[in-house]
PDB file of N, CA and C in Angstrom:
ATOM      1  N   UNK A   1     -13.488 -10.100  -5.739  1.00  0.00           N
ATOM      2  CA  UNK A   1     -11.781  -9.889  -5.577  1.00  0.00           C
ATOM      3  C   UNK A   1     -11.329  -9.204  -5.988  1.00  0.00           C
ATOM      4  N   UNK A   2     -11.010  -7.846  -6.330  1.00  0.00           N
ATOM      5  CA  UNK A   2     -10.341  -7.433  -7.071  1.00  0.00           C
ATOM      6  C   UNK A   2      -9.418  -7.401  -6.938  1.00  0.00           C
ATOM      7  N   UNK A   3      -8.102  -7.725  -8.066  1.00  0.00           N
ATOM      8  CA  UNK A   3      -6.460  -7.817  -8.418  1.00  0.00           C
ATOM      9  C   UNK A   3      -6.100  -7.405 -10.090  1.00  0.00           C
ATOM     10  N   UNK A   4      -5.161  -6.866  -9.515  1.00  0.00           N
ATOM     11  CA  UNK A   4      -4.535  -7.101 -10.812  1.00  0.00           C
ATOM     12  C   UNK A   4      -2.658  -6.170 -10.265  1.00  0.00           C
ATOM     13  N   UNK A   5      -2.438  -5.951 -10.815  1.00  0.00           N
ATOM     14  CA  UNK A   5      -0.504  -5.879 -11.019  1.00  0.00           C
ATOM     15  C   UNK A   5      -0.040  -5.583 -12.474  1.00  0.00           C
ATOM     16  N   UNK A   6       0.258  -4.243 -12.202  1.00  0.00           N
ATOM     17  CA  UNK A   6       1.380  -3.988 -13.968  1.00  0.00           C
ATOM     18  C   UNK A   6       2.917  -3.808 -13.637  1.00  0.00           C
ATOM     19  N   UNK A   7       3.202  -3.418 -14.217  1.00  0.00           N
ATOM     20  CA  UNK A   7       4.475  -3.007 -14.181  1.00  0.00           C
ATOM     21  C   UNK A   7       4.852  -1.752 -14.608  1.00  0.00           C
ATOM     22  N   UNK A   8       4.972  -0.304 -14.443  1.00  0.00           N
ATOM     23  CA  UNK A   8       5.487   0.226 -14.532  1.00  0.00           C
ATOM     24  C   UNK A   8       6.599   1.097 -14.331  1.00  0.00           C
ATOM     25  N   UNK A   9       7.359   2.121 -15.516  1.00  0.00           N
ATOM     26  CA  UNK A   9       8.674   2.651 -15.409  1.00  0.00           C
ATOM     27  C   UNK A   9       8.233   4.115 -14.381  1.00  0.00           C
ATOM     28  N   UNK A  10       9.445   4.268 -13.298  1.00  0.00           N
ATOM     29  CA  UNK A  10       9.412   5.431 -11.958  1.00  0.00           C
ATOM     30  C   UNK A  10      11.515   5.448 -12.751  1.00  0.00           C
ATOM     31  N   UNK A  11      11.566   6.221 -13.600  1.00  0.00           N
ATOM     32  CA  UNK A  11      13.048   6.837 -14.034  1.00  0.00           C
ATOM     33  C   UNK A  11      13.860   5.123 -14.030  1.00  0.00           C
ATOM     34  N   UNK A  12      14.960   5.129 -13.021  1.00  0.00           N
ATOM     35  CA  UNK A  12      15.370   3.910 -13.492  1.00  0.00           C
ATOM     36  C   UNK A  12      14.971   2.819 -12.951  1.00  0.00           C
ATOM     37  N   UNK A  13      13.681   2.560 -11.997  1.00  0.00           N
ATOM     38  CA  UNK A  13      12.480   1.089 -11.653  1.00  0.00           C
ATOM     39  C   UNK A  13      12.012   1.222 -11.260  1.00  0.00           C
ATOM     40  N   UNK A  14      11.412  -0.358 -11.744  1.00  0.00           N
ATOM     41  CA  UNK A  14      10.944  -1.306 -12.289  1.00  0.00           C
ATOM     42  C   UNK A  14       9.835  -1.136 -11.385  1.00  0.00           C
ATOM     43  N   UNK A  15       8.901   0.008 -11.489  1.00  0.00           N
ATOM     44  CA  UNK A  15       7.691  -0.711 -10.630  1.00  0.00           C
ATOM     45  C   UNK A  15       6.140  -1.630 -10.437  1.00  0.00           C
ATOM     46  N   UNK A  16       6.435  -2.183  -9.311  1.00  0.00           N
ATOM     47  CA  UNK A  16       4.459  -3.704  -9.602  1.00  0.00           C
ATOM     48  C   UNK A  16       3.929  -2.858  -8.930  1.00  0.00           C
ATOM     49  N   UNK A  17       3.059  -2.127  -9.439  1.00  0.00           N
ATOM     50  CA  UNK A  17       1.716  -1.363  -8.942  1.00  0.00           C
ATOM     51  C   UNK A  17       1.135  -2.561  -8.616  1.00  0.00           C
ATOM     52  N   UNK A  18       0.486  -2.962  -7.438  1.00  0.00           N
ATOM     53  CA  UNK A  18      -0.632  -3.959  -7.294  1.00  0.00           C
ATOM     54  C   UNK A  18      -1.582  -3.596  -6.548  1.00  0.00           C
ATOM     55  N   UNK A  19      -3.050  -3.704  -7.218  1.00  0.00           N
ATOM     56  CA  UNK A  19      -4.186  -3.060  -6.691  1.00  0.00           C
ATOM     57  C   UNK A  19      -5.288  -4.849  -6.201  1.00  0.00           C
ATOM     58  N   UNK A  20      -4.963  -4.476  -4.673  1.00  0.00           N
ATOM     59  CA  UNK A  20      -6.642  -5.372  -4.466  1.00  0.00           C
ATOM     60  C   UNK A  20      -5.472  -5.540  -3.255  1.00  0.00           C
ATOM     61  N   UNK A  21      -6.307  -7.067  -3.401  1.00  0.00           N
ATOM     62  CA  UNK A  21      -5.936  -7.838  -2.282  1.00  0.00           C
ATOM     63  C   UNK A  21      -4.568  -8.625  -2.171  1.00  0.00           C
ATOM     64  N   UNK A  22      -3.528  -8.846  -1.340  1.00  0.00           N
ATOM     65  CA  UNK A  22      -1.920  -9.779  -1.205  1.00  0.00           C
ATOM     66  C   UNK A  22      -2.354 -10.730  -0.537  1.00  0.00           C
ATOM     67  N   UNK A  23      -3.341 -12.165  -1.125  1.00  0.00           N
ATOM     68  CA  UNK A  23      -3.429 -13.209  -0.571  1.00  0.00           C
ATOM     69  C   UNK A  23      -3.008 -13.997  -0.492  1.00  0.00           C
ATOM     70  N   UNK A  24      -3.128 -16.124  -0.522  1.00  0.00           N
ATOM     71  CA  UNK A  24      -3.040 -16.650  -0.843  1.00  0.00           C
ATOM     72  C   UNK A  24      -3.423 -16.629  -2.932  1.00  0.00           C
ATOM     73  N   UNK A  25      -4.830 -16.726  -2.541  1.00  0.00           N
ATOM     74  CA  UNK A  25      -5.014 -16.378  -4.028  1.00  0.00           C
ATOM     75  C   UNK A  25      -4.339 -15.737  -5.158  1.00  0.00           C
ATOM     76  N   UNK A  26      -3.615 -14.782  -4.480  1.00  0.00           N
ATOM     77  CA  UNK A  26      -3.295 -13.921  -4.994  1.00  0.00           C
ATOM     78  C   UNK A  26      -1.821 -13.097  -5.544  1.00  0.00           C
ATOM     79  N   UNK A  27      -1.314 -13.610  -4.505  1.00  0.00           N
ATOM     80  CA  UNK A  27       0.192 -14.269  -4.516  1.00  0.00           C
ATOM     81  C   UNK A  27       1.456 -15.397  -5.248  1.00  0.00           C
ATOM     82  N   UNK A  28       0.821 -15.820  -6.144  1.00  0.00           N
ATOM     83  CA  UNK A  28       1.546 -16.725  -7.178  1.00  0.00           C
ATOM     84  C   UNK A  28       1.811 -15.160  -8.539  1.00  0.00           C
ATOM     85  N   UNK A  29       0.093 -14.810  -9.055  1.00  0.00           N
ATOM     86  CA  UNK A  29       0.093 -13.809  -9.547  1.00  0.00           C
ATOM     87  C   UNK A  29       1.182 -12.746  -9.974  1.00  0.00           C
ATOM     88  N   UNK A  30       1.515 -12.799  -8.157  1.00  0.00           N
ATOM     89  CA  UNK A  30       2.371 -11.742  -8.376  1.00  0.00           C
ATOM     90  C   UNK A  30       3.878 -11.713  -8.418  1.00  0.00           C
ATOM     91  N   UNK A  31       3.818 -13.545  -8.131  1.00  0.00           N
ATOM     92  CA  UNK A  31       5.652 -13.842  -7.594  1.00  0.00           C
ATOM     93  C   UNK A  31       5.421 -13.808  -9.653  1.00  0.00           C
ATOM     94  N   UNK A  32       4.658 -14.569 -10.597  1.00  0.00           N
ATOM     95  CA  UNK A  32       5.006 -14.552 -11.916  1.00  0.00           C
ATOM     96  C   UNK A  32       5.543 -13.058 -12.161  1.00  0.00           C
ATOM     97  N   UNK A  33       5.101 -12.102 -12.250  1.00  0.00           N
ATOM     98  CA  UNK A  33       5.441 -10.910 -12.648  1.00  0.00           C
ATOM     99  C   UNK A  33       6.914 -10.591 -12.495  1.00  0.00           C
ATOM    100  N   UNK A  34       6.826 -11.206 -10.819  1.00  0.00           N
ATOM    101  CA  UNK A  34       7.893 -10.062 -10.214  1.00  0.00           C
ATOM    102  C   UNK A  34       9.149 -11.286 -11.428  1.00  0.00           C
ATOM    103  N   UNK A  35       9.180 -12.258 -11.185  1.00  0.00           N
ATOM    104  CA  UNK A  35      10.290 -13.288 -12.106  1.00  0.00           C
ATOM    105  C   UNK A  35      10.575 -12.700 -13.674  1.00  0.00           C
ATOM    106  N   UNK A  36       9.365 -11.660 -14.146  1.00  0.00           N
ATOM    107  CA  UNK A  36       9.891 -11.671 -14.413  1.00  0.00           C
ATOM    108  C   UNK A  36      10.791 -10.152 -15.689  1.00  0.00           C
ATOM    109  N   UNK A  37      10.998  -9.775 -13.910  1.00  0.00           N
ATOM    110  CA  UNK A  37      11.682  -8.210 -14.371  1.00  0.00           C
ATOM    111  C   UNK A  37      12.867  -8.665 -13.799  1.00  0.00           C
ATOM    112  N   UNK A  38      14.404  -7.943 -14.715  1.00  0.00           N
ATOM    113  CA  UNK A  38      14.841  -8.670 -15.087  1.00  0.00           C
ATOM    114  C   UNK A  38      16.616  -6.435 -14.642  1.00  0.00           C
ATOM    115  N   UNK A  39      15.326  -6.044 -14.208  1.00  0.00           N
ATOM    116  CA  UNK A  39      16.324  -4.659 -13.816  1.00  0.00           C
ATOM    117  C   UNK A  39      16.891  -5.035 -12.272  1.00  0.00           C
ATOM    118  N   UNK A  40      18.023  -3.995 -12.451  1.00  0.00           N
ATOM    119  CA  UNK A  40      18.894  -3.759 -11.471  1.00  0.00           C
ATOM    120  C   UNK A  40      18.130  -3.001 -10.091  1.00  0.00           C
ATOM    121  N   UNK A  41      17.101  -2.395 -10.318  1.00  0.00           N
ATOM    122  CA  UNK A  41      16.628  -1.278  -9.460  1.00  0.00           C
ATOM    123  C   UNK A  41      14.669  -2.032  -9.754  1.00  0.00           C
ATOM    124  N   UNK A  42      14.207  -2.655  -8.649  1.00  0.00           N
ATOM    125  CA  UNK A  42      12.746  -3.063  -8.474  1.00  0.00           C
ATOM    126  C   UNK A  42      11.858  -2.750  -7.003  1.00  0.00           C
ATOM    127  N   UNK A  43      10.958  -2.029  -7.680  1.00  0.00           N
ATOM    128  CA  UNK A  43      10.641  -1.674  -6.637  1.00  0.00           C
ATOM    129  C   UNK A  43       8.679  -2.060  -6.754  1.00  0.00           C
ATOM    130  N   UNK A  44       7.831  -2.464  -4.959  1.00  0.00           N
ATOM    131  CA  UNK A  44       6.429  -2.744  -5.068  1.00  0.00           C
ATOM    132  C   UNK A  44       5.915  -2.501  -4.500  1.00  0.00           C
ATOM    133  N   UNK A  45       4.846  -2.017  -5.759  1.00  0.00           N
ATOM    134  CA  UNK A  45       4.264  -0.889  -5.087  1.00  0.00           C
ATOM    135  C   UNK A  45       2.751  -1.010  -4.436  1.00  0.00           C
ATOM    136  N   UNK A  46       2.646  -1.224  -3.054  1.00  0.00           N
ATOM    137  CA  UNK A  46       1.219  -1.397  -2.450  1.00  0.00           C
ATOM    138  C   UNK A  46       0.632  -0.879  -1.634  1.00  0.00           C
ATOM    139  N   UNK A  47       0.658   0.437  -2.278  1.00  0.00           N
ATOM    140  CA  UNK A  47      -0.654   1.778  -1.860  1.00  0.00           C
ATOM    141  C   UNK A  47      -1.422   1.333  -2.671  1.00  0.00           C
ATOM    142  N   UNK A  48      -2.249   0.823  -3.436  1.00  0.00           N
ATOM    143  CA  UNK A  48      -3.328  -0.002  -3.913  1.00  0.00           C
ATOM    144  C   UNK A  48      -3.500  -0.966  -3.742  1.00  0.00           C
ATOM    145  N   UNK A  49      -3.139  -1.561  -1.940  1.00  0.00           N
ATOM    146  CA  UNK A  49      -3.395  -2.980  -1.433  1.00  0.00           C
ATOM    147  C   UNK A  49      -4.159  -2.757  -0.322  1.00  0.00           C
ATOM    148  N   UNK A  50      -5.667  -3.612  -0.522  1.00  0.00           N
ATOM    149  CA  UNK A  50      -6.770  -3.303   0.267  1.00  0.00           C
ATOM    150  C   UNK A  50      -5.932  -4.379   1.236  1.00  0.00           C
ATOM    151  N   UNK A  51      -5.776  -5.193   1.756  1.00  0.00           N
ATOM    152  CA  UNK A  51      -5.149  -5.926   2.042  1.00  0.00           C
ATOM    153  C   UNK A  51      -3.946  -7.195   2.086  1.00  0.00           C
ATOM    154  N   UNK A  52      -2.886  -6.973   3.297  1.00  0.00           N
ATOM    155  CA  UNK A  52      -1.665  -7.999   2.533  1.00  0.00           C
ATOM    156  C   UNK A  52      -1.852  -8.981   3.666  1.00  0.00           C
ATOM    157  N   UNK A  53      -1.269 -10.350   3.249  1.00  0.00           N
ATOM    158  CA  UNK A  53      -1.432 -11.513   3.456  1.00  0.00           C
ATOM    159  C   UNK A  53      -0.514 -11.579   4.157  1.00  0.00           C
ATOM    160  N   UNK A  54      -0.006 -11.936   5.855  1.00  0.00           N
ATOM    161  CA  UNK A  54       1.104 -12.186   6.262  1.00  0.00           C
ATOM    162  C   UNK A  54       2.345 -12.762   5.190  1.00  0.00           C
ATOM    163  N   UNK A  55       1.900 -14.389   4.251  1.00  0.00           N
ATOM    164  CA  UNK A  55       3.087 -14.814   3.946  1.00  0.00           C
ATOM    165  C   UNK A  55       3.021 -14.322   2.671  1.00  0.00           C
ATOM    166  N   UNK A  56       2.524 -13.208   2.667  1.00  0.00           N
ATOM    167  CA  UNK A  56       2.816 -12.102   1.109  1.00  0.00           C
ATOM    168  C   UNK A  56       4.880 -11.358   1.799  1.00  0.00           C
ATOM    169  N   UNK A  57       4.845 -11.430   3.711  1.00  0.00           N
ATOM    170  CA  UNK A  57       6.168 -11.067   3.011  1.00  0.00           C
ATOM    171  C   UNK A  57       7.356 -12.042   2.800  1.00  0.00           C
ATOM    172  N   UNK A  58       7.055 -13.606   2.425  1.00  0.00           N
ATOM    173  CA  UNK A  58       8.112 -14.113   2.360  1.00  0.00           C
ATOM    174  C   UNK A  58       8.252 -13.615   1.226  1.00  0.00           C
ATOM    175  N   UNK A  59       7.479 -13.333  -0.172  1.00  0.00           N
ATOM    176  CA  UNK A  59       7.389 -13.004  -1.319  1.00  0.00           C
ATOM    177  C   UNK A  59       8.225 -11.915  -1.056  1.00  0.00           C
ATOM    178  N   UNK A  60       8.203 -10.124  -0.180  1.00  0.00           N
ATOM    179  CA  UNK A  60       8.982  -9.433  -0.292  1.00  0.00           C
ATOM    180  C   UNK A  60      10.450  -9.491  -0.436  1.00  0.00           C
ATOM    181  N   UNK A  61      10.610 -10.733   1.069  1.00  0.00           N
ATOM    182  CA  UNK A  61      11.924 -11.082   1.338  1.00  0.00           C
ATOM    183  C   UNK A  61      12.913 -11.324   0.215  1.00  0.00           C
ATOM    184  N   UNK A  62      11.876 -11.790  -0.428  1.00  0.00           N
ATOM    185  CA  UNK A  62      12.790 -13.008  -1.740  1.00  0.00           C
ATOM    186  C   UNK A  62      12.822 -12.013  -2.784  1.00  0.00           C
ATOM    187  N   UNK A  63      11.780 -10.989  -3.148  1.00  0.00           N
ATOM    188  CA  UNK A  63      12.636 -10.027  -4.147  1.00  0.00           C
ATOM    189  C   UNK A  63      13.874  -9.560  -3.585  1.00  0.00           C
ATOM    190  N   UNK A  64      13.833  -8.491  -2.109  1.00  0.00           N
ATOM    191  CA  UNK A  64      14.868  -8.350  -1.461  1.00  0.00           C
ATOM    192  C   UNK A  64      16.297  -8.576  -1.522  1.00  0.00           C
ATOM    193  N   UNK A  65      16.287 -10.637  -1.550  1.00  0.00           N
ATOM    194  CA  UNK A  65      17.089 -11.317  -2.015  1.00  0.00           C
ATOM    195  C   UNK A  65      17.660 -11.517  -2.737  1.00  0.00           C
ATOM    196  N   UNK A  66      16.651 -11.472  -4.081  1.00  0.00           N
ATOM    197  CA  UNK A  66      16.596 -11.684  -5.669  1.00  0.00           C
ATOM    198  C   UNK A  66      17.725 -10.352  -6.022  1.00  0.00           C
ATOM    199  N   UNK A  67      17.050  -9.113  -5.772  1.00  0.00           N
ATOM    200  CA  UNK A  67      18.108  -7.793  -6.107  1.00  0.00           C
ATOM    201  C   UNK A  67      19.449  -8.080  -5.128  1.00  0.00           C
ATOM    202  N   UNK A  68      19.655  -8.256  -4.159  1.00  0.00           N
ATOM    203  CA  UNK A  68      20.611  -7.478  -3.477  1.00  0.00           C
ATOM    204  C   UNK A  68      22.079  -9.306  -4.177  1.00  0.00           C
ATOM    205  N   UNK A  69      21.228 -10.202  -4.784  1.00  0.00           N
ATOM    206  CA  UNK A  69      22.004 -11.083  -5.265  1.00  0.00           C
ATOM    207  C   UNK A  69      22.940 -10.624  -6.829  1.00  0.00           C
ATOM    208  N   UNK A  70      21.766  -9.679  -7.198  1.00  0.00           N
ATOM    209  CA  UNK A  70      22.524  -9.014  -9.094  1.00  0.00           C
ATOM    210  C   UNK A  70      22.953  -7.589  -8.622  1.00  0.00           C
ATOM    211  N   UNK A  71      23.131  -7.538  -7.084  1.00  0.00           N
ATOM    212  CA  UNK A  71      23.864  -6.245  -6.322  1.00  0.00           C
ATOM    213  C   UNK A  71      22.865  -5.122  -6.684  1.00  0.00           C
ATOM    214  N   UNK A  72      21.743  -4.779  -6.460  1.00  0.00           N
ATOM    215  CA  UNK A  72      20.427  -4.643  -6.692  1.00  0.00           C
ATOM    216  C   UNK A  72      19.835  -3.586  -6.072  1.00  0.00           C
ATOM    217  N   UNK A  73      18.917  -3.172  -6.649  1.00  0.00           N
ATOM    218  CA  UNK A  73      18.111  -2.147  -5.504  1.00  0.00           C
ATOM    219  C   UNK A  73      16.733  -2.856  -5.201  1.00  0.00           C
ATOM    220  N   UNK A  74      15.778  -3.139  -4.266  1.00  0.00           N
ATOM    221  CA  UNK A  74      14.497  -3.408  -3.719  1.00  0.00           C
ATOM    222  C   UNK A  74      14.314  -2.373  -2.694  1.00  0.00           C
ATOM    223  N   UNK A  75      12.835  -2.076  -2.951  1.00  0.00           N
ATOM    224  CA  UNK A  75      11.888  -1.318  -2.267  1.00  0.00           C
ATOM    225  C   UNK A  75      10.635  -1.762  -2.475  1.00  0.00           C
ATOM    226  N   UNK A  76       9.962  -1.740  -1.297  1.00  0.00           N
ATOM    227  CA  UNK A  76       8.579  -1.393  -1.145  1.00  0.00           C
ATOM    228  C   UNK A  76       7.746  -0.474  -0.423  1.00  0.00           C
ATOM    229  N   UNK A  77       7.038   0.434  -1.943  1.00  0.00           N
ATOM    230  CA  UNK A  77       6.260   1.424  -1.743  1.00  0.00           C
ATOM    231  C   UNK A  77       4.762   1.478  -0.454  1.00  0.00           C
ATOM    232  N   UNK A  78       4.739   1.676   0.501  1.00  0.00           N
ATOM    233  CA  UNK A  78       4.328   1.107   1.231  1.00  0.00           C
ATOM    234  C   UNK A  78       3.083   2.909   2.200  1.00  0.00           C
ATOM    235  N   UNK A  79       2.457   2.916   1.813  1.00  0.00           N
ATOM    236  CA  UNK A  79       1.712   4.719   2.919  1.00  0.00           C
ATOM    237  C   UNK A  79       1.169   3.984   4.199  1.00  0.00           C
ATOM    238  N   UNK A  80       1.275   4.448   4.829  1.00  0.00           N
ATOM    239  CA  UNK A  80       0.801   4.485   5.999  1.00  0.00           C
ATOM    240  C   UNK A  80      -0.945   3.604   6.509  1.00  0.00           C
ATOM    241  N   UNK A  81      -0.438   2.374   6.677  1.00  0.00           N
ATOM    242  CA  UNK A  81      -2.301   1.971   7.310  1.00  0.00           C
ATOM    243  C   UNK A  81      -2.141   0.225   7.694  1.00  0.00           C
ATOM    244  N   UNK A  82      -2.800  -0.517   7.115  1.00  0.00           N
ATOM    245  CA  UNK A  82      -2.554  -1.874   7.903  1.00  0.00           C
ATOM    246  C   UNK A  82      -1.277  -2.444   7.438  1.00  0.00           C
ATOM    247  N   UNK A  83      -0.681  -2.343   6.193  1.00  0.00           N
ATOM    248  CA  UNK A  83      -0.037  -3.452   5.302  1.00  0.00           C
ATOM    249  C   UNK A  83       1.209  -2.732   5.921  1.00  0.00           C
ATOM    250  N   UNK A  84       1.282  -1.355   6.322  1.00  0.00           N
ATOM    251  CA  UNK A  84       2.777  -0.813   6.231  1.00  0.00           C
ATOM    252  C   UNK A  84       2.767  -1.835   8.142  1.00  0.00           C
ATOM    253  N   UNK A  85       1.963  -1.503   8.898  1.00  0.00           N
ATOM    254  CA  UNK A  85       1.971  -1.576   9.733  1.00  0.00           C
ATOM    255  C   UNK A  85       2.773  -2.798  10.519  1.00  0.00           C
ATOM    256  N   UNK A  86       2.004  -4.244   9.025  1.00  0.00           N
ATOM    257  CA  UNK A  86       2.846  -6.104   9.216  1.00  0.00           C
ATOM    258  C   UNK A  86       3.687  -5.083   8.359  1.00  0.00           C
ATOM    259  N   UNK A  87       4.299  -4.454   7.938  1.00  0.00           N
ATOM    260  CA  UNK A  87       5.493  -4.539   8.150  1.00  0.00           C
ATOM    261  C   UNK A  87       6.776  -3.945   9.049  1.00  0.00           C
ATOM    262  N   UNK A  88       6.328  -3.086   9.662  1.00  0.00           N
ATOM    263  CA  UNK A  88       6.739  -2.694  10.794  1.00  0.00           C
ATOM    264  C   UNK A  88       6.355  -3.595  11.700  1.00  0.00           C
ATOM    265  N   UNK A  89       5.638  -4.882  11.475  1.00  0.00           N
ATOM    266  CA  UNK A  89       6.032  -5.079  13.342  1.00  0.00           C
ATOM    267  C   UNK A  89       6.716  -6.606  12.871  1.00  0.00           C
ATOM    268  N   UNK A  90       6.337  -6.794  11.737  1.00  0.00           N
ATOM    269  CA  UNK A  90       7.071  -7.705  11.294  1.00  0.00           C
ATOM    270  C   UNK A  90       8.490  -7.840  11.444  1.00  0.00           C
ATOM    271  N   UNK A  91       9.013  -6.614  11.194  1.00  0.00           N
ATOM    272  CA  UNK A  91      10.660  -6.513  11.487  1.00  0.00           C
ATOM    273  C   UNK A  91      11.043  -6.398   9.416  1.00  0.00           C
ATOM    274  N   UNK A  92      10.282  -5.960   9.153  1.00  0.00           N
ATOM    275  CA  UNK A  92      10.665  -6.494   7.623  1.00  0.00           C
ATOM    276  C   UNK A  92      11.265  -4.881   7.161  1.00  0.00           C
ATOM    277  N   UNK A  93      10.529  -4.024   7.614  1.00  0.00           N
ATOM    278  CA  UNK A  93      11.046  -2.880   7.090  1.00  0.00           C
ATOM    279  C   UNK A  93      12.678  -2.158   7.937  1.00  0.00           C
ATOM    280  N   UNK A  94      13.052  -3.251   8.405  1.00  0.00           N
ATOM    281  CA  UNK A  94      14.489  -3.381   8.278  1.00  0.00           C
ATOM    282  C   UNK A  94      14.938  -3.798   7.709  1.00  0.00           C
ATOM    283  N   UNK A  95      14.906  -4.999   7.172  1.00  0.00           N
ATOM    284  CA  UNK A  95      15.659  -5.679   5.979  1.00  0.00           C
ATOM    285  C   UNK A  95      15.314  -4.815   4.404  1.00  0.00           C
ATOM    286  N   UNK A  96      13.671  -4.519   4.041  1.00  0.00           N
ATOM    287  CA  UNK A  96      13.647  -4.275   3.050  1.00  0.00           C
ATOM    288  C   UNK A  96      13.364  -2.970   3.127  1.00  0.00           C
ATOM    289  N   UNK A  97      14.164  -1.391   2.551  1.00  0.00           N
ATOM    290  CA  UNK A  97      14.047  -0.319   2.208  1.00  0.00           C
ATOM    291  C   UNK A  97      11.986  -0.386   1.798  1.00  0.00           C
ATOM    292  N   UNK A  98      11.873   0.336   2.882  1.00  0.00           N
ATOM    293  CA  UNK A  98       9.893   0.951   2.746  1.00  0.00           C
ATOM    294  C   UNK A  98       9.801   2.035   2.761  1.00  0.00           C
ATOM    295  N   UNK A  99       8.912   2.909   1.565  1.00  0.00           N
ATOM    296  CA  UNK A  99       9.404   4.189   0.986  1.00  0.00           C
ATOM    297  C   UNK A  99       7.893   4.103   1.487  1.00  0.00           C
ATOM    298  N   UNK A 100       7.271   5.728   1.503  1.00  0.00           N
ATOM    299  CA  UNK A 100       5.869   6.080   1.700  1.00  0.00           C
ATOM    300  C   UNK A 100       5.024   6.765   0.414  1.00  0.00           C
ATOM    301  N   UNK A 101       5.735   6.441  -0.625  1.00  0.00           N
ATOM    302  CA  UNK A 101       5.998   7.606  -1.889  1.00  0.00           C
ATOM    303  C   UNK A 101       6.017   6.910  -3.064  1.00  0.00           C
ATOM    304  N   UNK A 102       6.108   7.108  -3.750  1.00  0.00           N
ATOM    305  CA  UNK A 102       7.017   6.812  -5.193  1.00  0.00           C
ATOM    306  C   UNK A 102       7.988   7.245  -5.870  1.00  0.00           C
ATOM    307  N   UNK A 103       7.267   9.267  -5.227  1.00  0.00           N
ATOM    308  CA  UNK A 103       8.319  10.116  -5.589  1.00  0.00           C
ATOM    309  C   UNK A 103      10.339   9.624  -4.805  1.00  0.00           C
ATOM    310  N   UNK A 104       9.852   8.839  -3.396  1.00  0.00           N
ATOM    311  CA  UNK A 104      10.922   9.160  -2.690  1.00  0.00           C
ATOM    312  C   UNK A 104      11.772   7.828  -2.740  1.00  0.00           C
ATOM    313  N   UNK A 105      11.375   6.974  -4.199  1.00  0.00           N
ATOM    314  CA  UNK A 105      12.446   6.248  -5.155  1.00  0.00           C
ATOM    315  C   UNK A 105      13.796   6.854  -5.675  1.00  0.00           C
ATOM    316  N   UNK A 106      14.698   7.019  -4.965  1.00  0.00           N
ATOM    317  CA  UNK A 106      15.736   7.696  -5.585  1.00  0.00           C
ATOM    318  C   UNK A 106      16.769   7.322  -6.598  1.00  0.00           C
TER     319      UNK A 106
END
Protein backbone atom coordinates (compact mmCIF):
# COMPACT_ATOMS: atom_id res chain seq x y z
CA UNK A 1 0.00 0.00 0.00
CA UNK A 2 1.38 3.36 -1.04
CA UNK A 3 0.72 6.31 1.23
CA UNK A 4 2.51 9.59 1.69
CA UNK A 5 1.59 13.02 3.01
CA UNK A 6 3.74 16.11 2.66
CA UNK A 7 3.25 19.71 3.66
CA UNK A 8 3.90 22.17 0.87
CA UNK A 9 3.64 25.96 0.74
CA UNK A 10 1.51 27.56 -1.95
CA UNK A 11 1.42 31.30 -1.38
CA UNK A 12 -0.28 31.89 1.98
CA UNK A 13 -1.53 28.30 2.11
CA UNK A 14 -0.11 25.26 3.88
CA UNK A 15 -1.09 22.38 1.60
CA UNK A 16 -1.12 18.79 2.82
CA UNK A 17 -0.58 16.76 -0.35
CA UNK A 18 -1.78 13.17 0.07
CA UNK A 19 -0.76 10.30 -2.21
CA UNK A 20 -2.21 6.79 -2.08
CA UNK A 21 -5.15 5.41 -0.14
CA UNK A 22 -6.81 7.39 2.61
CA UNK A 23 -8.36 4.64 4.71
CA UNK A 24 -8.56 3.41 8.31
CA UNK A 25 -4.88 2.48 8.30
CA UNK A 26 -3.61 5.84 6.99
CA UNK A 27 -6.02 8.33 8.57
CA UNK A 28 -4.00 8.51 11.83
CA UNK A 29 -0.89 9.61 9.90
CA UNK A 30 -2.84 12.34 8.13
CA UNK A 31 -4.45 13.45 11.40
CA UNK A 32 -1.00 13.75 12.94
CA UNK A 33 0.19 15.95 10.07
CA UNK A 34 -2.93 18.09 10.28
CA UNK A 35 -2.38 18.59 14.02
CA UNK A 36 1.10 19.97 13.33
CA UNK A 37 -0.22 22.79 11.15
CA UNK A 38 -0.99 26.10 12.78
CA UNK A 39 -1.40 28.43 9.79
CA UNK A 40 -4.64 30.24 9.14
CA UNK A 41 -4.93 28.89 5.57
CA UNK A 42 -4.81 25.11 5.26
CA UNK A 43 -5.68 22.97 2.25
CA UNK A 44 -5.90 19.21 1.91
CA UNK A 45 -4.86 18.14 -1.59
CA UNK A 46 -6.52 14.83 -2.50
CA UNK A 47 -5.41 14.93 -6.14
CA UNK A 48 -3.09 11.95 -5.58
CA UNK A 49 -5.59 9.86 -3.60
CA UNK A 50 -6.51 6.52 -5.16
CA UNK A 51 -9.18 5.66 -2.59
CA UNK A 52 -11.03 7.80 -0.05
CA UNK A 53 -12.61 5.88 2.83
CA UNK A 54 -15.91 7.52 3.87
CA UNK A 55 -14.70 7.70 7.47
CA UNK A 56 -12.06 10.20 6.27
CA UNK A 57 -14.86 12.71 5.77
CA UNK A 58 -14.88 13.22 9.53
CA UNK A 59 -11.24 14.26 9.40
CA UNK A 60 -12.01 16.73 6.61
CA UNK A 61 -14.88 18.24 8.60
CA UNK A 62 -12.69 18.40 11.70
CA UNK A 63 -10.01 20.32 9.78
CA UNK A 64 -12.61 22.77 8.52
CA UNK A 65 -14.05 23.30 12.00
CA UNK A 66 -10.60 23.87 13.50
CA UNK A 67 -9.80 26.49 10.85
CA UNK A 68 -13.11 28.30 11.43
CA UNK A 69 -12.52 28.41 15.17
CA UNK A 70 -9.18 30.15 14.48
CA UNK A 71 -10.93 32.43 11.97
CA UNK A 72 -8.85 30.81 9.24
CA UNK A 73 -9.67 29.05 6.00
CA UNK A 74 -9.71 25.37 5.06
CA UNK A 75 -10.13 23.94 1.58
CA UNK A 76 -9.98 20.58 -0.12
CA UNK A 77 -8.30 20.25 -3.51
CA UNK A 78 -9.97 17.39 -5.31
CA UNK A 79 -10.26 16.93 -9.09
CA UNK A 80 -13.25 15.13 -10.60
CA UNK A 81 -13.30 11.41 -9.83
CA UNK A 82 -14.40 8.96 -7.13
CA UNK A 83 -13.10 11.05 -4.20
CA UNK A 84 -14.87 14.17 -5.49
CA UNK A 85 -18.03 12.12 -6.02
CA UNK A 86 -17.95 11.07 -2.36
CA UNK A 87 -17.51 14.69 -1.23
CA UNK A 88 -20.53 15.69 -3.32
CA UNK A 89 -22.76 12.71 -2.47
CA UNK A 90 -22.15 13.18 1.26
CA UNK A 91 -22.75 16.94 1.13
CA UNK A 92 -19.29 17.75 2.48
CA UNK A 93 -18.72 20.02 -0.52
CA UNK A 94 -21.54 22.24 0.80
CA UNK A 95 -19.74 22.67 4.13
CA UNK A 96 -16.10 22.77 3.06
CA UNK A 97 -14.60 24.74 0.17
CA UNK A 98 -13.69 22.23 -2.59
CA UNK A 99 -11.61 23.25 -5.60
CA UNK A 100 -10.40 21.15 -8.53
CA UNK A 101 -6.82 22.42 -8.68
CA UNK A 102 -4.31 23.95 -6.22
CA UNK A 103 -4.10 27.00 -8.49
CA UNK A 104 -7.70 27.81 -7.48
CA UNK A 105 -6.73 28.48 -3.86
CA UNK A 106 -7.25 32.21 -3.35
